[in-house]
């Protein structure tokens, strides 16, 4: 990063090719301790007996809250541009559309 980048607030990020392809996840389990939030991103597919964790992200509480705020902002932008995201048959405090047991970290 050069000095101009530092002064302008610009941020450079390396994205390796193998990471750029991403991992599809349609299920997430979030657990926490006093010092960390752990988010396991998993894939639930028909015919498989249980979800398969594809990625685990560990965050400090401050970073977890920043992620929450960033997701809220981006969902608001998305809904402004494309319309409201609906979650069919949503029960209070339940976000999983799948019938799976609670996760363990």
PDB file of N, CA and C in Angstrom:
ATOM      1  N   UNK A   1       0.853  -1.174   0.000  1.00  0.00           N
ATOM      2  CA  UNK A   1       0.000   0.000   0.000  1.00  0.00           C
ATOM      3  C   UNK A   1       0.893   1.230   0.000  1.00  0.00           C
ATOM      4  N   UNK A   2       0.598   2.165  -0.888  1.00  0.00           N
ATOM      5  CA  UNK A   2       1.440   3.352  -0.911  1.00  0.00           C
ATOM      6  C   UNK A   2       0.855   4.447  -0.025  1.00  0.00           C
ATOM      7  N   UNK A   3       1.624   5.535   0.116  1.00  0.00           N
ATOM      8  CA  UNK A   3       1.210   6.601   1.031  1.00  0.00           C
ATOM      9  C   UNK A   3      -0.096   7.243   0.593  1.00  0.00           C
ATOM     10  N   UNK A   4      -0.308   7.380  -0.735  1.00  0.00           N
ATOM     11  CA  UNK A   4      -1.547   7.974  -1.232  1.00  0.00           C
ATOM     12  C   UNK A   4      -2.761   7.160  -0.772  1.00  0.00           C
ATOM     13  N   UNK A   5      -2.633   5.837  -0.816  1.00  0.00           N
ATOM     14  CA  UNK A   5      -3.727   4.986  -0.359  1.00  0.00           C
ATOM     15  C   UNK A   5      -4.012   5.210   1.123  1.00  0.00           C
ATOM     16  N   UNK A   6      -2.962   5.363   1.925  1.00  0.00           N
ATOM     17  CA  UNK A   6      -3.148   5.584   3.359  1.00  0.00           C
ATOM     18  C   UNK A   6      -3.865   6.897   3.637  1.00  0.00           C
ATOM     19  N   UNK A   7      -3.526   7.937   2.896  1.00  0.00           N
ATOM     20  CA  UNK A   7      -4.120   9.247   3.128  1.00  0.00           C
ATOM     21  C   UNK A   7      -5.569   9.323   2.666  1.00  0.00           C
ATOM     22  N   UNK A   8      -5.930   8.598   1.624  1.00  0.00           N
ATOM     23  CA  UNK A   8      -7.280   8.695   1.087  1.00  0.00           C
ATOM     24  C   UNK A   8      -8.254   7.772   1.804  1.00  0.00           C
ATOM     25  N   UNK A   9      -7.752   6.921   2.668  1.00  0.00           N
ATOM     26  CA  UNK A   9      -8.623   5.987   3.357  1.00  0.00           C
ATOM     27  C   UNK A   9      -8.911   4.750   2.521  1.00  0.00           C
ATOM     28  N   UNK A  10      -8.282   4.647   1.335  1.00  0.00           N
ATOM     29  CA  UNK A  10      -8.500   3.485   0.475  1.00  0.00           C
ATOM     30  C   UNK A  10      -7.951   2.238   1.154  1.00  0.00           C
ATOM     31  N   UNK A  11      -8.518   1.126   0.789  1.00  0.00           N
ATOM     32  CA  UNK A  11      -8.173  -0.138   1.427  1.00  0.00           C
ATOM     33  C   UNK A  11      -7.937  -1.160   0.333  1.00  0.00           C
ATOM     34  N   UNK A  12      -6.780  -1.798   0.347  1.00  0.00           N
ATOM     35  CA  UNK A  12      -6.495  -2.832  -0.639  1.00  0.00           C
ATOM     36  C   UNK A  12      -6.689  -4.188   0.007  1.00  0.00           C
ATOM     37  N   UNK A  13      -7.253  -5.106  -0.757  1.00  0.00           N
ATOM     38  CA  UNK A  13      -7.575  -6.423  -0.251  1.00  0.00           C
ATOM     39  C   UNK A  13      -7.136  -7.461  -1.261  1.00  0.00           C
ATOM     40  N   UNK A  14      -6.385  -8.467  -0.822  1.00  0.00           N
ATOM     41  CA  UNK A  14      -6.016  -9.574  -1.691  1.00  0.00           C
ATOM     42  C   UNK A  14      -7.117 -10.621  -1.638  1.00  0.00           C
ATOM     43  N   UNK A  15      -7.521 -11.123  -2.804  1.00  0.00           N
ATOM     44  CA  UNK A  15      -8.536 -12.152  -2.896  1.00  0.00           C
ATOM     45  C   UNK A  15      -7.976 -13.295  -3.746  1.00  0.00           C
ATOM     46  N   UNK A  16      -7.406 -14.318  -3.077  1.00  0.00           N
ATOM     47  CA  UNK A  16      -6.847 -15.441  -3.826  1.00  0.00           C
ATOM     48  C   UNK A  16      -7.910 -16.134  -4.675  1.00  0.00           C
ATOM     49  N   UNK A  17      -7.507 -16.676  -5.807  1.00  0.00           N
ATOM     50  CA  UNK A  17      -8.445 -17.289  -6.761  1.00  0.00           C
ATOM     51  C   UNK A  17      -9.279 -18.396  -6.119  1.00  0.00           C
ATOM     52  N   UNK A  18      -8.668 -19.219  -5.263  1.00  0.00           N
ATOM     53  CA  UNK A  18      -9.423 -20.319  -4.660  1.00  0.00           C
ATOM     54  C   UNK A  18     -10.481 -19.821  -3.677  1.00  0.00           C
ATOM     55  N   UNK A  19     -10.264 -18.674  -3.073  1.00  0.00           N
ATOM     56  CA  UNK A  19     -11.235 -18.092  -2.147  1.00  0.00           C
ATOM     57  C   UNK A  19     -12.304 -17.306  -2.923  1.00  0.00           C
ATOM     58  N   UNK A  20     -11.919 -16.695  -4.029  1.00  0.00           N
ATOM     59  CA  UNK A  20     -12.837 -15.876  -4.823  1.00  0.00           C
ATOM     60  C   UNK A  20     -14.029 -16.668  -5.338  1.00  0.00           C
ATOM     61  N   UNK A  21     -13.865 -17.957  -5.538  1.00  0.00           N
ATOM     62  CA  UNK A  21     -14.966 -18.792  -6.024  1.00  0.00           C
ATOM     63  C   UNK A  21     -16.045 -18.948  -4.956  1.00  0.00           C
ATOM     64  N   UNK A  22     -15.692 -18.803  -3.706  1.00  0.00           N
ATOM     65  CA  UNK A  22     -16.649 -18.877  -2.617  1.00  0.00           C
ATOM     66  C   UNK A  22     -17.143 -20.281  -2.337  1.00  0.00           C
ATOM     67  N   UNK A  23     -17.923 -20.407  -1.284  1.00  0.00           N
ATOM     68  CA  UNK A  23     -18.590 -21.644  -0.912  1.00  0.00           C
ATOM     69  C   UNK A  23     -20.061 -21.334  -0.742  1.00  0.00           C
ATOM     70  N   UNK A  24     -20.916 -22.123  -1.361  1.00  0.00           N
ATOM     71  CA  UNK A  24     -22.356 -21.932  -1.202  1.00  0.00           C
ATOM     72  C   UNK A  24     -22.769 -22.437   0.171  1.00  0.00           C
ATOM     73  N   UNK A  25     -23.533 -21.622   0.891  1.00  0.00           N
ATOM     74  CA  UNK A  25     -24.066 -22.017   2.191  1.00  0.00           C
ATOM     75  C   UNK A  25     -25.526 -21.583   2.257  1.00  0.00           C
ATOM     76  N   UNK A  26     -26.390 -22.480   2.719  1.00  0.00           N
ATOM     77  CA  UNK A  26     -27.797 -22.134   2.883  1.00  0.00           C
ATOM     78  C   UNK A  26     -28.254 -22.348   4.328  1.00  0.00           C
ATOM     79  N   UNK A  27     -27.269 -22.417   5.224  1.00  0.00           N
ATOM     80  CA  UNK A  27     -27.553 -22.650   6.635  1.00  0.00           C
ATOM     81  C   UNK A  27     -26.375 -22.125   7.445  1.00  0.00           C
ATOM     82  N   UNK A  28     -26.649 -21.502   8.576  1.00  0.00           N
ATOM     83  CA  UNK A  28     -25.580 -21.020   9.440  1.00  0.00           C
ATOM     84  C   UNK A  28     -25.944 -21.297  10.889  1.00  0.00           C
ATOM     85  N   UNK A  29     -24.946 -21.651  11.657  1.00  0.00           N
ATOM     86  CA  UNK A  29     -25.112 -21.861  13.091  1.00  0.00           C
ATOM     87  C   UNK A  29     -24.184 -20.869  13.783  1.00  0.00           C
ATOM     88  N   UNK A  30     -24.731 -20.107  14.716  1.00  0.00           N
ATOM     89  CA  UNK A  30     -23.952 -19.092  15.415  1.00  0.00           C
ATOM     90  C   UNK A  30     -23.907 -19.439  16.890  1.00  0.00           C
ATOM     91  N   UNK A  31     -22.695 -19.514  17.416  1.00  0.00           N
ATOM     92  CA  UNK A  31     -22.501 -19.739  18.842  1.00  0.00           C
ATOM     93  C   UNK A  31     -21.545 -18.663  19.350  1.00  0.00           C
ATOM     94  N   UNK A  32     -21.455 -18.540  20.671  1.00  0.00           N
ATOM     95  CA  UNK A  32     -20.548 -17.527  21.219  1.00  0.00           C
ATOM     96  C   UNK A  32     -20.060 -17.922  22.603  1.00  0.00           C
ATOM     97  N   UNK A  33     -18.929 -17.322  22.948  1.00  0.00           N
ATOM     98  CA  UNK A  33     -18.391 -17.383  24.310  1.00  0.00           C
ATOM     99  C   UNK A  33     -18.276 -15.941  24.776  1.00  0.00           C
ATOM    100  N   UNK A  34     -17.628 -15.726  25.888  1.00  0.00           N
ATOM    101  CA  UNK A  34     -17.469 -14.349  26.364  1.00  0.00           C
ATOM    102  C   UNK A  34     -16.515 -13.542  25.485  1.00  0.00           C
ATOM    103  N   UNK A  35     -15.689 -14.217  24.697  1.00  0.00           N
ATOM    104  CA  UNK A  35     -14.686 -13.503  23.912  1.00  0.00           C
ATOM    105  C   UNK A  35     -14.816 -13.661  22.406  1.00  0.00           C
ATOM    106  N   UNK A  36     -15.643 -14.582  21.915  1.00  0.00           N
ATOM    107  CA  UNK A  36     -15.720 -14.843  20.478  1.00  0.00           C
ATOM    108  C   UNK A  36     -17.129 -15.199  20.033  1.00  0.00           C
ATOM    109  N   UNK A  37     -17.430 -14.871  18.778  1.00  0.00           N
ATOM    110  CA  UNK A  37     -18.602 -15.382  18.079  1.00  0.00           C
ATOM    111  C   UNK A  37     -18.088 -16.341  17.022  1.00  0.00           C
ATOM    112  N   UNK A  38     -18.732 -17.481  16.895  1.00  0.00           N
ATOM    113  CA  UNK A  38     -18.336 -18.485  15.909  1.00  0.00           C
ATOM    114  C   UNK A  38     -19.515 -18.683  14.969  1.00  0.00           C
ATOM    115  N   UNK A  39     -19.260 -18.494  13.675  1.00  0.00           N
ATOM    116  CA  UNK A  39     -20.298 -18.679  12.668  1.00  0.00           C
ATOM    117  C   UNK A  39     -19.865 -19.819  11.767  1.00  0.00           C
ATOM    118  N   UNK A  40     -20.634 -20.907  11.796  1.00  0.00           N
ATOM    119  CA  UNK A  40     -20.397 -22.035  10.902  1.00  0.00           C
ATOM    120  C   UNK A  40     -21.379 -21.926   9.746  1.00  0.00           C
ATOM    121  N   UNK A  41     -20.852 -21.811   8.536  1.00  0.00           N
ATOM    122  CA  UNK A  41     -21.668 -21.775   7.335  1.00  0.00           C
ATOM    123  C   UNK A  41     -21.712 -23.189   6.773  1.00  0.00           C
ATOM    124  N   UNK A  42     -22.920 -23.683   6.559  1.00  0.00           N
ATOM    125  CA  UNK A  42     -23.096 -25.065   6.140  1.00  0.00           C
ATOM    126  C   UNK A  42     -23.982 -25.141   4.905  1.00  0.00           C
ATOM    127  N   UNK A  43     -23.992 -26.334   4.341  1.00  0.00           N
ATOM    128  CA  UNK A  43     -24.802 -26.608   3.165  1.00  0.00           C
ATOM    129  C   UNK A  43     -25.719 -27.778   3.481  1.00  0.00           C
ATOM    130  N   UNK A  44     -27.025 -27.559   3.340  1.00  0.00           N
ATOM    131  CA  UNK A  44     -28.013 -28.610   3.518  1.00  0.00           C
ATOM    132  C   UNK A  44     -28.509 -28.984   2.122  1.00  0.00           C
ATOM    133  N   UNK A  45     -28.367 -30.254   1.770  1.00  0.00           N
ATOM    134  CA  UNK A  45     -28.795 -30.712   0.454  1.00  0.00           C
ATOM    135  C   UNK A  45     -29.686 -31.936   0.588  1.00  0.00           C
ATOM    136  N   UNK A  46     -30.651 -32.061  -0.308  1.00  0.00           N
ATOM    137  CA  UNK A  46     -31.518 -33.244  -0.274  1.00  0.00           C
ATOM    138  C   UNK A  46     -30.688 -34.518  -0.404  1.00  0.00           C
ATOM    139  N   UNK A  47     -31.072 -35.530   0.351  1.00  0.00           N
ATOM    140  CA  UNK A  47     -30.382 -36.811   0.269  1.00  0.00           C
ATOM    141  C   UNK A  47     -29.170 -36.947   1.171  1.00  0.00           C
ATOM    142  N   UNK A  48     -28.727 -35.833   1.758  1.00  0.00           N
ATOM    143  CA  UNK A  48     -27.611 -35.911   2.694  1.00  0.00           C
ATOM    144  C   UNK A  48     -28.175 -35.972   4.106  1.00  0.00           C
ATOM    145  N   UNK A  49     -27.610 -36.827   4.970  1.00  0.00           N
ATOM    146  CA  UNK A  49     -28.191 -37.022   6.302  1.00  0.00           C
ATOM    147  C   UNK A  49     -28.069 -35.818   7.230  1.00  0.00           C
ATOM    148  N   UNK A  50     -27.063 -34.958   7.009  1.00  0.00           N
ATOM    149  CA  UNK A  50     -26.896 -33.801   7.888  1.00  0.00           C
ATOM    150  C   UNK A  50     -26.152 -32.697   7.146  1.00  0.00           C
ATOM    151  N   UNK A  51     -26.271 -31.445   7.633  1.00  0.00           N
ATOM    152  CA  UNK A  51     -25.557 -30.343   6.991  1.00  0.00           C
ATOM    153  C   UNK A  51     -24.046 -30.563   7.043  1.00  0.00           C
ATOM    154  N   UNK A  52     -23.365 -30.049   6.031  1.00  0.00           N
ATOM    155  CA  UNK A  52     -21.910 -30.131   5.965  1.00  0.00           C
ATOM    156  C   UNK A  52     -21.354 -28.719   6.125  1.00  0.00           C
ATOM    157  N   UNK A  53     -20.552 -28.492   7.169  1.00  0.00           N
ATOM    158  CA  UNK A  53     -19.946 -27.179   7.385  1.00  0.00           C
ATOM    159  C   UNK A  53     -18.898 -26.948   6.304  1.00  0.00           C
ATOM    160  N   UNK A  54     -19.027 -25.814   5.606  1.00  0.00           N
ATOM    161  CA  UNK A  54     -18.108 -25.454   4.538  1.00  0.00           C
ATOM    162  C   UNK A  54     -17.118 -24.380   4.958  1.00  0.00           C
ATOM    163  N   UNK A  55     -17.471 -23.609   5.985  1.00  0.00           N
ATOM    164  CA  UNK A  55     -16.577 -22.549   6.435  1.00  0.00           C
ATOM    165  C   UNK A  55     -16.922 -22.169   7.865  1.00  0.00           C
ATOM    166  N   UNK A  56     -15.909 -21.881   8.652  1.00  0.00           N
ATOM    167  CA  UNK A  56     -16.091 -21.396  10.024  1.00  0.00           C
ATOM    168  C   UNK A  56     -15.388 -20.054  10.131  1.00  0.00           C
ATOM    169  N   UNK A  57     -16.124 -19.062  10.631  1.00  0.00           N
ATOM    170  CA  UNK A  57     -15.561 -17.731  10.823  1.00  0.00           C
ATOM    171  C   UNK A  57     -15.658 -17.403  12.302  1.00  0.00           C
ATOM    172  N   UNK A  58     -14.547 -16.989  12.887  1.00  0.00           N
ATOM    173  CA  UNK A  58     -14.492 -16.642  14.304  1.00  0.00           C
ATOM    174  C   UNK A  58     -14.264 -15.135  14.402  1.00  0.00           C
ATOM    175  N   UNK A  59     -15.135 -14.467  15.160  1.00  0.00           N
ATOM    176  CA  UNK A  59     -15.112 -13.014  15.258  1.00  0.00           C
ATOM    177  C   UNK A  59     -15.057 -12.565  16.710  1.00  0.00           C
ATOM    178  N   UNK A  60     -14.350 -11.474  16.949  1.00  0.00           N
ATOM    179  CA  UNK A  60     -14.429 -10.805  18.250  1.00  0.00           C
ATOM    180  C   UNK A  60     -15.814 -10.184  18.352  1.00  0.00           C
ATOM    181  N   UNK A  61     -16.360 -10.005  19.564  1.00  0.00           N
ATOM    182  CA  UNK A  61     -17.700  -9.430  19.713  1.00  0.00           C
ATOM    183  C   UNK A  61     -17.884  -8.102  18.964  1.00  0.00           C
ATOM    184  N   UNK A  62     -16.899  -7.226  19.020  1.00  0.00           N
ATOM    185  CA  UNK A  62     -16.996  -5.944  18.313  1.00  0.00           C
ATOM    186  C   UNK A  62     -17.135  -6.153  16.812  1.00  0.00           C
ATOM    187  N   UNK A  63     -16.380  -7.086  16.263  1.00  0.00           N
ATOM    188  CA  UNK A  63     -16.455  -7.345  14.826  1.00  0.00           C
ATOM    189  C   UNK A  63     -17.771  -8.023  14.451  1.00  0.00           C
ATOM    190  N   UNK A  64     -18.299  -8.860  15.338  1.00  0.00           N
ATOM    191  CA  UNK A  64     -19.603  -9.480  15.084  1.00  0.00           C
ATOM    192  C   UNK A  64     -20.680  -8.403  14.989  1.00  0.00           C
ATOM    193  N   UNK A  65     -20.617  -7.424  15.880  1.00  0.00           N
ATOM    194  CA  UNK A  65     -21.612  -6.348  15.843  1.00  0.00           C
ATOM    195  C   UNK A  65     -21.438  -5.493  14.595  1.00  0.00           C
ATOM    196  N   UNK A  66     -20.198  -5.241  14.199  1.00  0.00           N
ATOM    197  CA  UNK A  66     -19.961  -4.490  12.959  1.00  0.00           C
ATOM    198  C   UNK A  66     -20.508  -5.258  11.752  1.00  0.00           C
ATOM    199  N   UNK A  67     -20.350  -6.576  11.762  1.00  0.00           N
ATOM    200  CA  UNK A  67     -20.900  -7.402  10.688  1.00  0.00           C
ATOM    201  C   UNK A  67     -22.421  -7.294  10.668  1.00  0.00           C
ATOM    202  N   UNK A  68     -23.046  -7.374  11.833  1.00  0.00           N
ATOM    203  CA  UNK A  68     -24.502  -7.222  11.929  1.00  0.00           C
ATOM    204  C   UNK A  68     -24.953  -5.901  11.315  1.00  0.00           C
ATOM    205  N   UNK A  69     -24.297  -4.810  11.690  1.00  0.00           N
ATOM    206  CA  UNK A  69     -24.674  -3.488  11.182  1.00  0.00           C
ATOM    207  C   UNK A  69     -24.445  -3.397   9.670  1.00  0.00           C
ATOM    208  N   UNK A  70     -23.354  -3.970   9.188  1.00  0.00           N
ATOM    209  CA  UNK A  70     -23.075  -3.954   7.748  1.00  0.00           C
ATOM    210  C   UNK A  70     -24.110  -4.777   6.983  1.00  0.00           C
ATOM    211  N   UNK A  71     -24.510  -5.927   7.523  1.00  0.00           N
ATOM    212  CA  UNK A  71     -25.548  -6.732   6.888  1.00  0.00           C
ATOM    213  C   UNK A  71     -26.881  -5.987   6.865  1.00  0.00           C
ATOM    214  N   UNK A  72     -27.241  -5.341   7.985  1.00  0.00           N
ATOM    215  CA  UNK A  72     -28.483  -4.570   8.025  1.00  0.00           C
ATOM    216  C   UNK A  72     -28.488  -3.481   6.957  1.00  0.00           C
ATOM    217  N   UNK A  73     -27.388  -2.760   6.859  1.00  0.00           N
ATOM    218  CA  UNK A  73     -27.300  -1.687   5.871  1.00  0.00           C
ATOM    219  C   UNK A  73     -27.410  -2.243   4.448  1.00  0.00           C
ATOM    220  N   UNK A  74     -26.732  -3.332   4.177  1.00  0.00           N
ATOM    221  CA  UNK A  74     -26.764  -3.906   2.838  1.00  0.00           C
ATOM    222  C   UNK A  74     -28.117  -4.519   2.500  1.00  0.00           C
ATOM    223  N   UNK A  75     -28.803  -5.091   3.477  1.00  0.00           N
ATOM    224  CA  UNK A  75     -30.151  -5.614   3.232  1.00  0.00           C
ATOM    225  C   UNK A  75     -31.101  -4.461   2.926  1.00  0.00           C
ATOM    226  N   UNK A  76     -30.975  -3.352   3.647  1.00  0.00           N
ATOM    227  CA  UNK A  76     -31.811  -2.181   3.358  1.00  0.00           C
ATOM    228  C   UNK A  76     -31.566  -1.687   1.930  1.00  0.00           C
ATOM    229  N   UNK A  77     -30.310  -1.614   1.511  1.00  0.00           N
ATOM    230  CA  UNK A  77     -29.981  -1.189   0.147  1.00  0.00           C
ATOM    231  C   UNK A  77     -30.559  -2.164  -0.881  1.00  0.00           C
ATOM    232  N   UNK A  78     -30.400  -3.451  -0.619  1.00  0.00           N
ATOM    233  CA  UNK A  78     -30.907  -4.482  -1.516  1.00  0.00           C
ATOM    234  C   UNK A  78     -32.425  -4.347  -1.671  1.00  0.00           C
ATOM    235  N   UNK A  79     -33.133  -4.232  -0.533  1.00  0.00           N
ATOM    236  CA  UNK A  79     -34.590  -4.154  -0.578  1.00  0.00           C
ATOM    237  C   UNK A  79     -35.064  -2.858  -1.247  1.00  0.00           C
ATOM    238  N   UNK A  80     -34.315  -1.800  -1.099  1.00  0.00           N
ATOM    239  CA  UNK A  80     -34.659  -0.549  -1.777  1.00  0.00           C
ATOM    240  C   UNK A  80     -34.570  -0.736  -3.292  1.00  0.00           C
ATOM    241  N   UNK A  81     -33.580  -1.477  -3.740  1.00  0.00           N
ATOM    242  CA  UNK A  81     -33.367  -1.668  -5.175  1.00  0.00           C
ATOM    243  C   UNK A  81     -34.225  -2.792  -5.763  1.00  0.00           C
ATOM    244  N   UNK A  82     -34.379  -3.905  -5.021  1.00  0.00           N
ATOM    245  CA  UNK A  82     -35.008  -5.098  -5.590  1.00  0.00           C
ATOM    246  C   UNK A  82     -36.334  -5.492  -4.943  1.00  0.00           C
ATOM    247  N   UNK A  83     -36.703  -4.873  -3.845  1.00  0.00           N
ATOM    248  CA  UNK A  83     -37.939  -5.217  -3.154  1.00  0.00           C
ATOM    249  C   UNK A  83     -37.668  -6.003  -1.882  1.00  0.00           C
ATOM    250  N   UNK A  84     -38.707  -6.126  -1.078  1.00  0.00           N
ATOM    251  CA  UNK A  84     -38.605  -6.758   0.234  1.00  0.00           C
ATOM    252  C   UNK A  84     -38.244  -8.232   0.123  1.00  0.00           C
ATOM    253  N   UNK A  85     -37.337  -8.663   0.960  1.00  0.00           N
ATOM    254  CA  UNK A  85     -36.992 -10.075   1.077  1.00  0.00           C
ATOM    255  C   UNK A  85     -37.994 -10.692   2.042  1.00  0.00           C
ATOM    256  N   UNK A  86     -38.705 -11.700   1.602  1.00  0.00           N
ATOM    257  CA  UNK A  86     -39.676 -12.345   2.473  1.00  0.00           C
ATOM    258  C   UNK A  86     -39.150 -13.696   2.922  1.00  0.00           C
ATOM    259  N   UNK A  87     -39.485 -14.046   4.143  1.00  0.00           N
ATOM    260  CA  UNK A  87     -39.122 -15.344   4.704  1.00  0.00           C
ATOM    261  C   UNK A  87     -40.429 -16.067   4.994  1.00  0.00           C
ATOM    262  N   UNK A  88     -40.796 -17.060   4.168  1.00  0.00           N
ATOM    263  CA  UNK A  88     -42.083 -17.736   4.354  1.00  0.00           C
ATOM    264  C   UNK A  88     -42.142 -18.512   5.665  1.00  0.00           C
ATOM    265  N   UNK A  89     -43.324 -18.470   6.284  1.00  0.00           N
ATOM    266  CA  UNK A  89     -43.591 -19.245   7.500  1.00  0.00           C
ATOM    267  C   UNK A  89     -42.569 -19.010   8.603  1.00  0.00           C
ATOM    268  N   UNK A  90     -42.101 -17.783   8.762  1.00  0.00           N
ATOM    269  CA  UNK A  90     -41.090 -17.497   9.780  1.00  0.00           C
ATOM    270  C   UNK A  90     -41.706 -17.524  11.169  1.00  0.00           C
ATOM    271  N   UNK A  91     -41.120 -18.318  12.038  1.00  0.00           N
ATOM    272  CA  UNK A  91     -41.534 -18.365  13.440  1.00  0.00           C
ATOM    273  C   UNK A  91     -40.644 -17.409  14.227  1.00  0.00           C
ATOM    274  N   UNK A  92     -41.122 -16.883  15.335  1.00  0.00           N
ATOM    275  CA  UNK A  92     -40.277 -15.986  16.141  1.00  0.00           C
ATOM    276  C   UNK A  92     -38.968 -16.664  16.536  1.00  0.00           C
ATOM    277  N   UNK A  93     -37.858 -15.944  16.361  1.00  0.00           N
ATOM    278  CA  UNK A  93     -36.511 -16.359  16.745  1.00  0.00           C
ATOM    279  C   UNK A  93     -36.035 -17.622  16.025  1.00  0.00           C
ATOM    280  N   UNK A  94     -36.715 -18.029  14.956  1.00  0.00           N
ATOM    281  CA  UNK A  94     -36.285 -19.181  14.175  1.00  0.00           C
ATOM    282  C   UNK A  94     -36.026 -18.716  12.755  1.00  0.00           C
ATOM    283  N   UNK A  95     -34.806 -18.913  12.279  1.00  0.00           N
ATOM    284  CA  UNK A  95     -34.497 -18.480  10.926  1.00  0.00           C
ATOM    285  C   UNK A  95     -34.191 -19.641   9.999  1.00  0.00           C
ATOM    286  N   UNK A  96     -34.091 -20.833  10.529  1.00  0.00           N
ATOM    287  CA  UNK A  96     -33.735 -21.974   9.696  1.00  0.00           C
ATOM    288  C   UNK A  96     -34.959 -22.533   8.982  1.00  0.00           C
ATOM    289  N   UNK A  97     -34.871 -22.688   7.654  1.00  0.00           N
ATOM    290  CA  UNK A  97     -35.967 -23.330   6.939  1.00  0.00           C
ATOM    291  C   UNK A  97     -35.850 -24.849   6.974  1.00  0.00           C
ATOM    292  N   UNK A  98     -34.878 -25.362   7.708  1.00  0.00           N
ATOM    293  CA  UNK A  98     -34.597 -26.789   7.725  1.00  0.00           C
ATOM    294  C   UNK A  98     -34.927 -27.387   9.081  1.00  0.00           C
ATOM    295  N   UNK A  99     -35.257 -28.643   9.100  1.00  0.00           N
ATOM    296  CA  UNK A  99     -35.544 -29.364  10.331  1.00  0.00           C
ATOM    297  C   UNK A  99     -34.270 -30.099  10.760  1.00  0.00           C
ATOM    298  N   UNK A 100     -33.354 -29.368  11.399  1.00  0.00           N
ATOM    299  CA  UNK A 100     -32.096 -29.965  11.836  1.00  0.00           C
ATOM    300  C   UNK A 100     -31.899 -29.675  13.316  1.00  0.00           C
ATOM    301  N   UNK A 101     -31.118 -30.520  13.957  1.00  0.00           N
ATOM    302  CA  UNK A 101     -30.829 -30.345  15.385  1.00  0.00           C
ATOM    303  C   UNK A 101     -29.947 -29.130  15.601  1.00  0.00           C
ATOM    304  N   UNK A 102     -29.928 -28.628  16.832  1.00  0.00           N
ATOM    305  CA  UNK A 102     -29.069 -27.496  17.179  1.00  0.00           C
ATOM    306  C   UNK A 102     -27.613 -27.914  17.029  1.00  0.00           C
ATOM    307  N   UNK A 103     -26.783 -26.952  16.621  1.00  0.00           N
ATOM    308  CA  UNK A 103     -25.374 -27.230  16.384  1.00  0.00           C
ATOM    309  C   UNK A 103     -24.534 -27.161  17.625  1.00  0.00           C
ATOM    310  N   UNK A 104     -23.371 -27.723  17.521  1.00  0.00           N
ATOM    311  CA  UNK A 104     -22.386 -27.660  18.595  1.00  0.00           C
ATOM    312  C   UNK A 104     -21.118 -27.059  18.018  1.00  0.00           C
ATOM    313  N   UNK A 105     -20.423 -26.270  18.810  1.00  0.00           N
ATOM    314  CA  UNK A 105     -19.172 -25.678  18.345  1.00  0.00           C
ATOM    315  C   UNK A 105     -18.013 -26.348  19.036  1.00  0.00           C
TER     316      UNK A 105
END
